[in-house]
Amino acid sequence: MEILDESQDWQQPMLEIAKGDGDFLPLGDRHWAFFAEHRPMLLVTFEDAAALRNSDDKLPEHFQLAKSRGWSLLTILADGETWWRDPSVYDYFDRLSDDGFLEDFDSVIFYGAGAAGYAAAAFSIAAPGAELVLIAPRATMDPAIVGWDDRHRSARRLDFSDRYGFAPDMTESAPKVWVIHDPQNPPDAMHAALFTRPWSTPLLARRTGEGTEDTLQEMQVLHRILEAAMERKFSAEVFSWLWRGRRSNASYLRATLAAARVSGHPRREAMICRSVTARLDAPRFARRLAELNGEV
C-alpha cells in the first residue's frame, strides 16, 4: 500500500483511512485514487477535489453511505474540470483491469452525474459485469459530435478521441446502464440519446433541469437507488415508485407550477396549487391559488 502527499492537509482524513484497509495515491498531477475496503461490494465514484476540500469531513461524498452499508469505495478525484482525461487515470484503470482487482467483488456499481457520469461510463469497461447508475451523463465533449452543447466550453480543448473516449461505447460490458435525466432539458436529453444501447435504460426525471442529482438527493432517494442497484434489484419499476416522491419535493413542485404559468394555463395552475396545498404546508402555492381565485 502506497501512502503519499501527507503534507496536504485536505488529504489527511483519506490518508488515515488508507493506513487501515485501503489506498490513497496520486495519479499524475491532477488526480488521486482513494480506496476504502469493505468487501465484497464496490461503489466506484468520480468527484471534484475542490468540493471535497470544501466539505466538513474532507471525505468523498459517498463515503458515509459506503461505510454504513459495508461497501468498499473507490473514488477518483480530479483537480479542476479535467473530465478525468489523463493518461495517468487510464493507466490506473488498466492496472486494475490487468490485475483482476475489480473482479474480486461480488457486485460493482459505477456512479456519476454530469461530467462524473461521463467518467463513470467511460471507465466502466475496466470492470466487466459492473452496473452503471448515471445521472444526466455526458457522452463526450468532442465538439465534432456534441457541438450543440455549450455548457462546458473549456472541455473542448480536451482530446476525447483516444482511449476511454466515447462513453456510450465503453459501457458494452455492463449488464445494465441506467440513464436518469430530464427529457425536457434538451442538452441532457441529447446526450442520453447517445447512450441508446440494448443494455441501456432511460429513466425520466422531468422538470429537474440541470439539477437532477440535487433533486434526487433532496428527495432522499439517490442512496436508495444505489442500494437497489448494488443488490441487483433496481429496475424501471423501482425508479417509478421512488420518483413518486417528487409530489412532495419543493424544487419539482415549483418547476411544475412555473411551467404551467409560462404556458398560460391558469386552470392547470389552480389544479396544481389545490393539490399541493391539500397535502403540504405551502404558502407560495396558497398565495398563487388565492391570486387565481381573485382573492388578492
C-alpha atoms as a PDB file:
ATOM      1  CA  MET A   1       0.000   0.000   0.000  1.00  0.00           C
ATOM      2  CA  GLU A   2       1.407   3.386  -1.007  1.00  0.00           C
ATOM      3  CA  ILE A   3       0.681   6.475   1.112  1.00  0.00           C
ATOM      4  CA  LEU A   4       1.713   9.795  -0.399  1.00  0.00           C
ATOM      5  CA  ASP A   5       1.308  13.555  -0.065  1.00  0.00           C
ATOM      6  CA  GLU A   6       0.998  13.596   3.734  1.00  0.00           C
ATOM      7  CA  SER A   7       1.808  17.308   3.710  1.00  0.00           C
ATOM      8  CA  GLN A   8      -1.536  18.104   2.118  1.00  0.00           C
ATOM      9  CA  ASP A   9      -3.944  18.863   4.956  1.00  0.00           C
ATOM     10  CA  TRP A  10      -7.084  18.171   2.946  1.00  0.00           C
ATOM     11  CA  GLN A  11      -5.831  14.666   2.209  1.00  0.00           C
ATOM     12  CA  GLN A  12      -5.276  13.678   5.848  1.00  0.00           C
ATOM     13  CA  PRO A  13      -8.686  12.060   6.511  1.00  0.00           C
ATOM     14  CA  MET A  14      -8.280   9.869   3.437  1.00  0.00           C
ATOM     15  CA  LEU A  15      -4.682   9.074   4.339  1.00  0.00           C
ATOM     16  CA  GLU A  16      -5.747   7.945   7.798  1.00  0.00           C
ATOM     17  CA  ILE A  17      -8.351   5.606   6.334  1.00  0.00           C
ATOM     18  CA  ALA A  18      -5.850   4.326   3.780  1.00  0.00           C
ATOM     19  CA  LYS A  19      -3.446   3.354   6.578  1.00  0.00           C
ATOM     20  CA  GLY A  20      -6.001   0.753   7.591  1.00  0.00           C
ATOM     21  CA  ASP A  21      -7.660  -1.085   4.740  1.00  0.00           C
ATOM     22  CA  GLY A  22      -7.301   0.983   1.614  1.00  0.00           C
ATOM     23  CA  ASP A  23      -5.146   3.156  -0.583  1.00  0.00           C
ATOM     24  CA  PHE A  24      -4.634   6.791  -1.398  1.00  0.00           C
ATOM     25  CA  LEU A  25      -2.310   7.644  -4.237  1.00  0.00           C
ATOM     26  CA  PRO A  26      -1.787  10.402  -6.784  1.00  0.00           C
ATOM     27  CA  LEU A  27      -2.433   9.733 -10.434  1.00  0.00           C
ATOM     28  CA  GLY A  28      -0.264  12.293 -12.178  1.00  0.00           C
ATOM     29  CA  ASP A  29      -0.519  15.930 -11.127  1.00  0.00           C
ATOM     30  CA  ARG A  30      -4.288  16.455 -11.038  1.00  0.00           C
ATOM     31  CA  HIS A  31      -5.906  13.201  -9.970  1.00  0.00           C
ATOM     32  CA  TRP A  32      -5.987  10.921  -6.943  1.00  0.00           C
ATOM     33  CA  ALA A  33      -7.419   7.496  -6.236  1.00  0.00           C
ATOM     34  CA  PHE A  34      -8.943   6.827  -2.819  1.00  0.00           C
ATOM     35  CA  PHE A  35      -9.917   3.287  -1.877  1.00  0.00           C
ATOM     36  CA  ALA A  36     -11.593   2.150   1.340  1.00  0.00           C
ATOM     37  CA  GLU A  37     -12.007  -1.600   1.565  1.00  0.00           C
ATOM     38  CA  HIS A  38     -15.063  -3.388   2.941  1.00  0.00           C
ATOM     39  CA  ARG A  39     -15.681  -6.438   0.800  1.00  0.00           C
ATOM     40  CA  PRO A  40     -17.486  -7.808  -1.130  1.00  0.00           C
ATOM     41  CA  MET A  41     -19.350  -4.916  -2.810  1.00  0.00           C
ATOM     42  CA  LEU A  42     -17.743  -1.906  -4.501  1.00  0.00           C
ATOM     43  CA  LEU A  43     -19.061   1.552  -5.339  1.00  0.00           C
ATOM     44  CA  VAL A  44     -16.938   3.496  -7.843  1.00  0.00           C
ATOM     45  CA  THR A  45     -17.417   7.264  -7.993  1.00  0.00           C
ATOM     46  CA  PHE A  46     -15.760  10.294  -9.592  1.00  0.00           C
ATOM     47  CA  GLU A  47     -15.587  13.602  -7.748  1.00  0.00           C
ATOM     48  CA  ASP A  48     -14.230  17.139  -7.846  1.00  0.00           C
ATOM     49  CA  ALA A  49     -11.339  17.528  -5.412  1.00  0.00           C
ATOM     50  CA  ALA A  50     -12.357  21.146  -4.750  1.00  0.00           C
ATOM     51  CA  ALA A  51     -15.759  20.047  -3.459  1.00  0.00           C
ATOM     52  CA  LEU A  52     -14.092  17.544  -1.165  1.00  0.00           C
ATOM     53  CA  ARG A  53     -11.631  20.154   0.132  1.00  0.00           C
ATOM     54  CA  ASN A  54     -14.570  22.426   0.969  1.00  0.00           C
ATOM     55  CA  SER A  55     -16.513  19.716   2.792  1.00  0.00           C
ATOM     56  CA  ASP A  56     -16.538  19.382   6.579  1.00  0.00           C
ATOM     57  CA  ASP A  57     -15.105  15.874   6.804  1.00  0.00           C
ATOM     58  CA  LYS A  58     -12.767  16.049   3.766  1.00  0.00           C
ATOM     59  CA  LEU A  59     -14.016  12.682   2.593  1.00  0.00           C
ATOM     60  CA  PRO A  60     -15.701  11.634  -0.663  1.00  0.00           C
ATOM     61  CA  GLU A  61     -19.387  12.427  -0.837  1.00  0.00           C
ATOM     62  CA  HIS A  62     -20.483   8.799  -0.758  1.00  0.00           C
ATOM     63  CA  PHE A  63     -18.001   7.557   1.835  1.00  0.00           C
ATOM     64  CA  GLN A  64     -20.506   7.507   4.699  1.00  0.00           C
ATOM     65  CA  LEU A  65     -23.068   5.648   2.592  1.00  0.00           C
ATOM     66  CA  ALA A  66     -20.498   3.015   1.627  1.00  0.00           C
ATOM     67  CA  LYS A  67     -19.242   2.691   5.203  1.00  0.00           C
ATOM     68  CA  SER A  68     -22.737   2.334   6.649  1.00  0.00           C
ATOM     69  CA  ARG A  69     -23.623  -0.362   4.108  1.00  0.00           C
ATOM     70  CA  GLY A  70     -20.346  -2.237   4.404  1.00  0.00           C
ATOM     71  CA  TRP A  71     -19.365  -1.494   0.821  1.00  0.00           C
ATOM     72  CA  SER A  72     -15.907  -0.808  -0.481  1.00  0.00           C
ATOM     73  CA  LEU A  73     -15.494   2.605  -2.106  1.00  0.00           C
ATOM     74  CA  LEU A  74     -13.199   3.687  -4.917  1.00  0.00           C
ATOM     75  CA  THR A  75     -13.270   7.419  -5.689  1.00  0.00           C
ATOM     76  CA  ILE A  76     -11.213   9.096  -8.406  1.00  0.00           C
ATOM     77  CA  LEU A  77     -10.696  12.771  -7.581  1.00  0.00           C
ATOM     78  CA  ALA A  78      -9.975  15.417 -10.196  1.00  0.00           C
ATOM     79  CA  ASP A  79      -8.418  18.820  -9.613  1.00  0.00           C
ATOM     80  CA  GLY A  80     -10.479  21.054 -11.895  1.00  0.00           C
ATOM     81  CA  GLU A  81     -12.534  20.239 -14.959  1.00  0.00           C
ATOM     82  CA  THR A  82     -10.225  17.565 -16.317  1.00  0.00           C
ATOM     83  CA  TRP A  83     -13.039  15.181 -17.221  1.00  0.00           C
ATOM     84  CA  TRP A  84     -10.575  12.545 -15.975  1.00  0.00           C
ATOM     85  CA  ARG A  85      -8.982  12.690 -19.439  1.00  0.00           C
ATOM     86  CA  ASP A  86      -5.457  11.909 -18.304  1.00  0.00           C
ATOM     87  CA  PRO A  87      -3.097   9.067 -19.263  1.00  0.00           C
ATOM     88  CA  SER A  88      -2.348   8.530 -15.569  1.00  0.00           C
ATOM     89  CA  VAL A  89      -6.012   7.759 -14.951  1.00  0.00           C
ATOM     90  CA  TYR A  90      -6.123   5.486 -17.995  1.00  0.00           C
ATOM     91  CA  ASP A  91      -3.061   3.621 -16.721  1.00  0.00           C
ATOM     92  CA  TYR A  92      -4.628   3.221 -13.290  1.00  0.00           C
ATOM     93  CA  PHE A  93      -7.737   1.570 -14.686  1.00  0.00           C
ATOM     94  CA  ASP A  94      -5.563  -0.515 -16.989  1.00  0.00           C
ATOM     95  CA  ARG A  95      -3.729  -1.837 -13.918  1.00  0.00           C
ATOM     96  CA  LEU A  96      -6.979  -2.569 -12.087  1.00  0.00           C
ATOM     97  CA  SER A  97      -8.200  -4.489 -15.110  1.00  0.00           C
ATOM     98  CA  ASP A  98      -4.952  -6.366 -15.678  1.00  0.00           C
ATOM     99  CA  ASP A  99      -4.713  -7.326 -12.006  1.00  0.00           C
ATOM    100  CA  GLY A 100      -8.312  -8.527 -11.931  1.00  0.00           C
ATOM    101  CA  PHE A 101      -8.884  -6.236  -8.945  1.00  0.00           C
ATOM    102  CA  LEU A 102     -12.436  -5.322  -9.899  1.00  0.00           C
ATOM    103  CA  GLU A 103     -13.311  -8.972 -10.451  1.00  0.00           C
ATOM    104  CA  ASP A 104     -12.791  -9.709  -6.751  1.00  0.00           C
ATOM    105  CA  PHE A 105     -16.086  -8.081  -5.810  1.00  0.00           C
ATOM    106  CA  ASP A 106     -19.482  -9.743  -5.866  1.00  0.00           C
ATOM    107  CA  SER A 107     -21.140  -6.532  -7.043  1.00  0.00           C
ATOM    108  CA  VAL A 108     -19.698  -3.366  -8.591  1.00  0.00           C
ATOM    109  CA  ILE A 109     -21.575  -0.129  -9.276  1.00  0.00           C
ATOM    110  CA  PHE A 110     -20.135   2.805 -11.224  1.00  0.00           C
ATOM    111  CA  TYR A 111     -21.937   6.029 -10.348  1.00  0.00           C
ATOM    112  CA  GLY A 112     -21.654   9.606 -11.574  1.00  0.00           C
ATOM    113  CA  ALA A 113     -23.629  12.685 -12.588  1.00  0.00           C
ATOM    114  CA  GLY A 114     -22.852  15.145 -15.374  1.00  0.00           C
ATOM    115  CA  ALA A 115     -19.122  15.094 -16.134  1.00  0.00           C
ATOM    116  CA  ALA A 116     -18.669  12.417 -13.463  1.00  0.00           C
ATOM    117  CA  GLY A 117     -21.356  10.425 -15.254  1.00  0.00           C
ATOM    118  CA  TYR A 118     -19.195  10.607 -18.357  1.00  0.00           C
ATOM    119  CA  ALA A 119     -16.217   9.240 -16.400  1.00  0.00           C
ATOM    120  CA  ALA A 120     -18.280   6.503 -14.732  1.00  0.00           C
ATOM    121  CA  ALA A 121     -19.432   5.283 -18.129  1.00  0.00           C
ATOM    122  CA  ALA A 122     -16.054   5.661 -19.818  1.00  0.00           C
ATOM    123  CA  PHE A 123     -14.062   3.717 -17.245  1.00  0.00           C
ATOM    124  CA  SER A 124     -16.684   1.070 -16.535  1.00  0.00           C
ATOM    125  CA  ILE A 125     -15.241  -1.033 -19.351  1.00  0.00           C
ATOM    126  CA  ALA A 126     -12.431  -1.908 -16.936  1.00  0.00           C
ATOM    127  CA  ALA A 127     -14.969  -3.761 -14.787  1.00  0.00           C
ATOM    128  CA  PRO A 128     -16.942  -6.253 -16.902  1.00  0.00           C
ATOM    129  CA  GLY A 129     -20.267  -7.019 -15.270  1.00  0.00           C
ATOM    130  CA  ALA A 130     -20.460  -3.740 -13.342  1.00  0.00           C
ATOM    131  CA  GLU A 131     -23.828  -1.992 -13.322  1.00  0.00           C
ATOM    132  CA  LEU A 132     -23.976   1.754 -14.070  1.00  0.00           C
ATOM    133  CA  VAL A 133     -26.126   4.436 -12.490  1.00  0.00           C
ATOM    134  CA  LEU A 134     -25.677   7.643 -14.481  1.00  0.00           C
ATOM    135  CA  ILE A 135     -27.446  10.948 -13.892  1.00  0.00           C
ATOM    136  CA  ALA A 136     -27.509  13.317 -16.855  1.00  0.00           C
ATOM    137  CA  PRO A 137     -24.266  11.824 -18.167  1.00  0.00           C
ATOM    138  CA  ARG A 138     -22.301  13.447 -20.955  1.00  0.00           C
ATOM    139  CA  ALA A 139     -21.439  11.060 -23.774  1.00  0.00           C
ATOM    140  CA  THR A 140     -18.399  13.073 -24.875  1.00  0.00           C
ATOM    141  CA  MET A 141     -17.426  16.708 -25.200  1.00  0.00           C
ATOM    142  CA  ASP A 142     -15.870  16.291 -28.643  1.00  0.00           C
ATOM    143  CA  PRO A 143     -17.210  19.369 -30.497  1.00  0.00           C
ATOM    144  CA  ALA A 144     -17.441  17.351 -33.713  1.00  0.00           C
ATOM    145  CA  ILE A 145     -20.109  15.199 -32.023  1.00  0.00           C
ATOM    146  CA  VAL A 146     -21.752  17.457 -29.435  1.00  0.00           C
ATOM    147  CA  GLY A 147     -21.047  20.917 -30.758  1.00  0.00           C
ATOM    148  CA  TRP A 148     -24.574  21.882 -29.718  1.00  0.00           C
ATOM    149  CA  ASP A 149     -23.647  21.607 -26.008  1.00  0.00           C
ATOM    150  CA  ASP A 150     -22.130  24.923 -24.993  1.00  0.00           C
ATOM    151  CA  ARG A 151     -22.198  24.277 -21.229  1.00  0.00           C
ATOM    152  CA  HIS A 152     -18.581  23.109 -20.943  1.00  0.00           C
ATOM    153  CA  ARG A 153     -16.565  25.246 -23.308  1.00  0.00           C
ATOM    154  CA  SER A 154     -13.242  24.546 -21.593  1.00  0.00           C
ATOM    155  CA  ALA A 155     -13.727  20.825 -22.252  1.00  0.00           C
ATOM    156  CA  ARG A 156     -13.471  21.440 -25.986  1.00  0.00           C
ATOM    157  CA  ARG A 157      -9.712  21.718 -25.579  1.00  0.00           C
ATOM    158  CA  LEU A 158      -9.508  18.137 -24.318  1.00  0.00           C
ATOM    159  CA  ASP A 159      -8.994  15.093 -26.502  1.00  0.00           C
ATOM    160  CA  PHE A 160     -11.985  12.732 -26.365  1.00  0.00           C
ATOM    161  CA  SER A 161     -10.854  10.654 -29.333  1.00  0.00           C
ATOM    162  CA  ASP A 162      -8.283   8.395 -27.703  1.00  0.00           C
ATOM    163  CA  ARG A 163      -8.575   5.663 -25.064  1.00  0.00           C
ATOM    164  CA  TYR A 164     -11.646   5.550 -22.816  1.00  0.00           C
ATOM    165  CA  GLY A 165     -13.038   8.236 -25.101  1.00  0.00           C
ATOM    166  CA  PHE A 166     -16.654   7.929 -26.245  1.00  0.00           C
ATOM    167  CA  ALA A 167     -18.528   6.951 -23.090  1.00  0.00           C
ATOM    168  CA  PRO A 168     -21.508   5.065 -24.610  1.00  0.00           C
ATOM    169  CA  ASP A 169     -19.142   2.680 -26.399  1.00  0.00           C
ATOM    170  CA  MET A 170     -17.315   1.976 -23.143  1.00  0.00           C
ATOM    171  CA  THR A 171     -20.458   0.567 -21.497  1.00  0.00           C
ATOM    172  CA  GLU A 172     -20.569  -2.568 -23.643  1.00  0.00           C
ATOM    173  CA  SER A 173     -19.502  -4.861 -20.774  1.00  0.00           C
ATOM    174  CA  ALA A 174     -22.233  -3.602 -18.424  1.00  0.00           C
ATOM    175  CA  PRO A 175     -25.365  -5.722 -17.975  1.00  0.00           C
ATOM    176  CA  LYS A 176     -27.416  -2.648 -17.042  1.00  0.00           C
ATOM    177  CA  VAL A 177     -26.877   1.051 -17.651  1.00  0.00           C
ATOM    178  CA  TRP A 178     -29.445   3.320 -16.013  1.00  0.00           C
ATOM    179  CA  VAL A 179     -29.525   6.811 -17.569  1.00  0.00           C
ATOM    180  CA  ILE A 180     -31.543   9.154 -15.359  1.00  0.00           C
ATOM    181  CA  HIS A 181     -32.202  12.544 -16.924  1.00  0.00           C
ATOM    182  CA  ASP A 182     -34.748  15.255 -17.634  1.00  0.00           C
ATOM    183  CA  PRO A 183     -36.067  14.721 -21.173  1.00  0.00           C
ATOM    184  CA  GLN A 184     -37.303  18.324 -21.158  1.00  0.00           C
ATOM    185  CA  ASN A 185     -33.736  19.612 -20.764  1.00  0.00           C
ATOM    186  CA  PRO A 186     -32.542  19.436 -24.395  1.00  0.00           C
ATOM    187  CA  PRO A 187     -28.762  19.056 -23.868  1.00  0.00           C
ATOM    188  CA  ASP A 188     -29.212  16.275 -21.317  1.00  0.00           C
ATOM    189  CA  ALA A 189     -31.801  14.547 -23.492  1.00  0.00           C
ATOM    190  CA  MET A 190     -29.479  14.676 -26.500  1.00  0.00           C
ATOM    191  CA  HIS A 191     -26.585  13.200 -24.543  1.00  0.00           C
ATOM    192  CA  ALA A 192     -28.894  10.495 -23.171  1.00  0.00           C
ATOM    193  CA  ALA A 193     -29.918   9.633 -26.733  1.00  0.00           C
ATOM    194  CA  LEU A 194     -26.267   8.837 -27.479  1.00  0.00           C
ATOM    195  CA  PHE A 195     -26.394   6.141 -24.776  1.00  0.00           C
ATOM    196  CA  THR A 196     -29.000   4.191 -26.718  1.00  0.00           C
ATOM    197  CA  ARG A 197     -27.775   0.635 -26.451  1.00  0.00           C
ATOM    198  CA  PRO A 198     -29.701  -2.593 -25.773  1.00  0.00           C
ATOM    199  CA  TRP A 199     -28.317  -2.661 -22.232  1.00  0.00           C
ATOM    200  CA  SER A 200     -29.170   0.990 -21.509  1.00  0.00           C
ATOM    201  CA  THR A 201     -32.459   2.100 -19.964  1.00  0.00           C
ATOM    202  CA  PRO A 202     -33.521   5.762 -19.886  1.00  0.00           C
ATOM    203  CA  LEU A 203     -35.274   6.823 -16.683  1.00  0.00           C
ATOM    204  CA  LEU A 204     -37.105  10.124 -16.947  1.00  0.00           C
ATOM    205  CA  ALA A 205     -36.934  12.723 -14.200  1.00  0.00           C
ATOM    206  CA  ARG A 206     -38.973  15.519 -15.736  1.00  0.00           C
ATOM    207  CA  ARG A 207     -38.703  19.145 -14.654  1.00  0.00           C
ATOM    208  CA  THR A 208     -35.421  18.695 -12.824  1.00  0.00           C
ATOM    209  CA  GLY A 209     -33.449  20.669 -15.412  1.00  0.00           C
ATOM    210  CA  GLU A 210     -29.760  20.981 -14.601  1.00  0.00           C
ATOM    211  CA  GLY A 211     -30.415  19.849 -11.020  1.00  0.00           C
ATOM    212  CA  THR A 212     -31.471  16.230 -11.485  1.00  0.00           C
ATOM    213  CA  GLU A 213     -28.936  14.858  -8.997  1.00  0.00           C
ATOM    214  CA  ASP A 214     -29.759  17.595  -6.466  1.00  0.00           C
ATOM    215  CA  THR A 215     -33.470  16.828  -6.724  1.00  0.00           C
ATOM    216  CA  LEU A 216     -32.913  13.106  -6.143  1.00  0.00           C
ATOM    217  CA  GLN A 217     -30.774  13.949  -3.119  1.00  0.00           C
ATOM    218  CA  GLU A 218     -33.414  16.329  -1.767  1.00  0.00           C
ATOM    219  CA  MET A 219     -35.977  13.559  -2.158  1.00  0.00           C
ATOM    220  CA  GLN A 220     -33.615  11.236  -0.246  1.00  0.00           C
ATOM    221  CA  VAL A 221     -33.894   8.583  -2.946  1.00  0.00           C
ATOM    222  CA  LEU A 222     -30.413   8.665  -4.509  1.00  0.00           C
ATOM    223  CA  HIS A 223     -28.965   6.394  -1.846  1.00  0.00           C
ATOM    224  CA  ARG A 224     -31.924   4.060  -2.247  1.00  0.00           C
ATOM    225  CA  ILE A 225     -31.267   3.872  -5.991  1.00  0.00           C
ATOM    226  CA  LEU A 226     -27.631   2.970  -5.372  1.00  0.00           C
ATOM    227  CA  GLU A 227     -28.599   0.405  -2.740  1.00  0.00           C
ATOM    228  CA  ALA A 228     -31.085  -1.262  -5.081  1.00  0.00           C
ATOM    229  CA  ALA A 229     -28.535  -1.291  -7.904  1.00  0.00           C
ATOM    230  CA  MET A 230     -25.863  -2.790  -5.653  1.00  0.00           C
ATOM    231  CA  GLU A 231     -28.280  -5.576  -4.704  1.00  0.00           C
ATOM    232  CA  ARG A 232     -29.182  -6.059  -8.383  1.00  0.00           C
ATOM    233  CA  LYS A 233     -32.780  -5.162  -7.551  1.00  0.00           C
ATOM    234  CA  PHE A 234     -33.018  -1.810  -9.318  1.00  0.00           C
ATOM    235  CA  SER A 235     -35.445  -1.533 -12.226  1.00  0.00           C
ATOM    236  CA  ALA A 236     -37.580   0.965 -14.103  1.00  0.00           C
ATOM    237  CA  GLU A 237     -40.455  -0.018 -11.822  1.00  0.00           C
ATOM    238  CA  VAL A 238     -38.402   0.687  -8.687  1.00  0.00           C
ATOM    239  CA  PHE A 239     -37.393   4.073 -10.075  1.00  0.00           C
ATOM    240  CA  SER A 240     -41.000   4.908 -10.938  1.00  0.00           C
ATOM    241  CA  TRP A 241     -42.031   4.097  -7.372  1.00  0.00           C
ATOM    242  CA  LEU A 242     -39.224   6.186  -5.865  1.00  0.00           C
ATOM    243  CA  TRP A 243     -39.896   9.027  -8.296  1.00  0.00           C
ATOM    244  CA  ARG A 244     -43.374   9.391  -6.830  1.00  0.00           C
ATOM    245  CA  GLY A 245     -41.691  11.279  -4.014  1.00  0.00           C
ATOM    246  CA  ARG A 246     -41.423  14.268  -6.350  1.00  0.00           C
ATOM    247  CA  ARG A 247     -45.003  15.124  -5.365  1.00  0.00           C
ATOM    248  CA  SER A 248     -43.600  16.403  -2.076  1.00  0.00           C
ATOM    249  CA  ASN A 249     -40.371  17.910  -3.401  1.00  0.00           C
ATOM    250  CA  ALA A 250     -40.293  21.712  -3.362  1.00  0.00           C
ATOM    251  CA  SER A 251     -37.958  22.090  -6.342  1.00  0.00           C
ATOM    252  CA  TYR A 252     -40.061  19.831  -8.532  1.00  0.00           C
ATOM    253  CA  LEU A 253     -43.327  21.451  -7.474  1.00  0.00           C
ATOM    254  CA  ARG A 254     -42.019  24.960  -8.139  1.00  0.00           C
ATOM    255  CA  ALA A 255     -40.821  23.885 -11.582  1.00  0.00           C
ATOM    256  CA  THR A 256     -44.203  22.317 -12.332  1.00  0.00           C
ATOM    257  CA  LEU A 257     -46.068  25.448 -11.301  1.00  0.00           C
ATOM    258  CA  ALA A 258     -43.693  27.655 -13.298  1.00  0.00           C
ATOM    259  CA  ALA A 259     -44.195  25.511 -16.397  1.00  0.00           C
ATOM    260  CA  ALA A 260     -47.964  25.831 -16.107  1.00  0.00           C
ATOM    261  CA  ARG A 261     -47.688  29.585 -15.621  1.00  0.00           C
ATOM    262  CA  VAL A 262     -45.372  30.086 -18.601  1.00  0.00           C
ATOM    263  CA  SER A 263     -47.639  28.009 -20.840  1.00  0.00           C
ATOM    264  CA  GLY A 264     -50.599  30.199 -19.909  1.00  0.00           C
ATOM    265  CA  HIS A 265     -52.843  27.571 -18.297  1.00  0.00           C
ATOM    266  CA  PRO A 266     -54.393  29.187 -15.190  1.00  0.00           C
ATOM    267  CA  ARG A 267     -56.736  26.247 -14.659  1.00  0.00           C
ATOM    268  CA  ARG A 268     -53.781  23.893 -14.541  1.00  0.00           C
ATOM    269  CA  GLU A 269     -52.020  26.276 -12.165  1.00  0.00           C
ATOM    270  CA  ALA A 270     -55.032  26.229  -9.884  1.00  0.00           C
ATOM    271  CA  MET A 271     -55.243  22.446 -10.014  1.00  0.00           C
ATOM    272  CA  ILE A 272     -51.570  22.167  -9.061  1.00  0.00           C
ATOM    273  CA  CYS A 273     -51.970  24.653  -6.220  1.00  0.00           C
ATOM    274  CA  ARG A 274     -55.016  22.869  -4.830  1.00  0.00           C
ATOM    275  CA  SER A 275     -53.232  19.518  -4.960  1.00  0.00           C
ATOM    276  CA  VAL A 276     -50.149  20.852  -3.200  1.00  0.00           C
ATOM    277  CA  THR A 277     -51.940  22.846  -0.513  1.00  0.00           C
ATOM    278  CA  ALA A 278     -54.186  19.887   0.272  1.00  0.00           C
ATOM    279  CA  ARG A 279     -51.118  17.770   1.074  1.00  0.00           C
ATOM    280  CA  LEU A 280     -48.445  20.194   2.227  1.00  0.00           C
ATOM    281  CA  ASP A 281     -47.863  23.430   4.097  1.00  0.00           C
ATOM    282  CA  ALA A 282     -47.030  25.502   1.010  1.00  0.00           C
ATOM    283  CA  PRO A 283     -47.609  29.266   1.455  1.00  0.00           C
ATOM    284  CA  ARG A 284     -46.358  30.115  -2.032  1.00  0.00           C
ATOM    285  CA  PHE A 285     -48.907  27.799  -3.628  1.00  0.00           C
ATOM    286  CA  ALA A 286     -51.647  29.065  -1.317  1.00  0.00           C
ATOM    287  CA  ARG A 287     -50.915  32.658  -2.333  1.00  0.00           C
ATOM    288  CA  ARG A 288     -50.914  31.772  -6.014  1.00  0.00           C
ATOM    289  CA  LEU A 289     -54.213  29.907  -5.645  1.00  0.00           C
ATOM    290  CA  ALA A 290     -55.721  32.987  -3.972  1.00  0.00           C
ATOM    291  CA  GLU A 291     -54.479  35.140  -6.848  1.00  0.00           C
ATOM    292  CA  LEU A 292     -56.008  32.780  -9.395  1.00  0.00           C
ATOM    293  CA  ASN A 293     -59.301  32.835  -7.481  1.00  0.00           C
ATOM    294  CA  GLY A 294     -59.286  36.614  -7.458  1.00  0.00           C
ATOM    295  CA  GLU A 295     -58.961  36.799  -3.695  1.00  0.00           C
ATOM    296  CA  VAL A 296     -55.969  39.132  -3.695  1.00  0.00           C
END
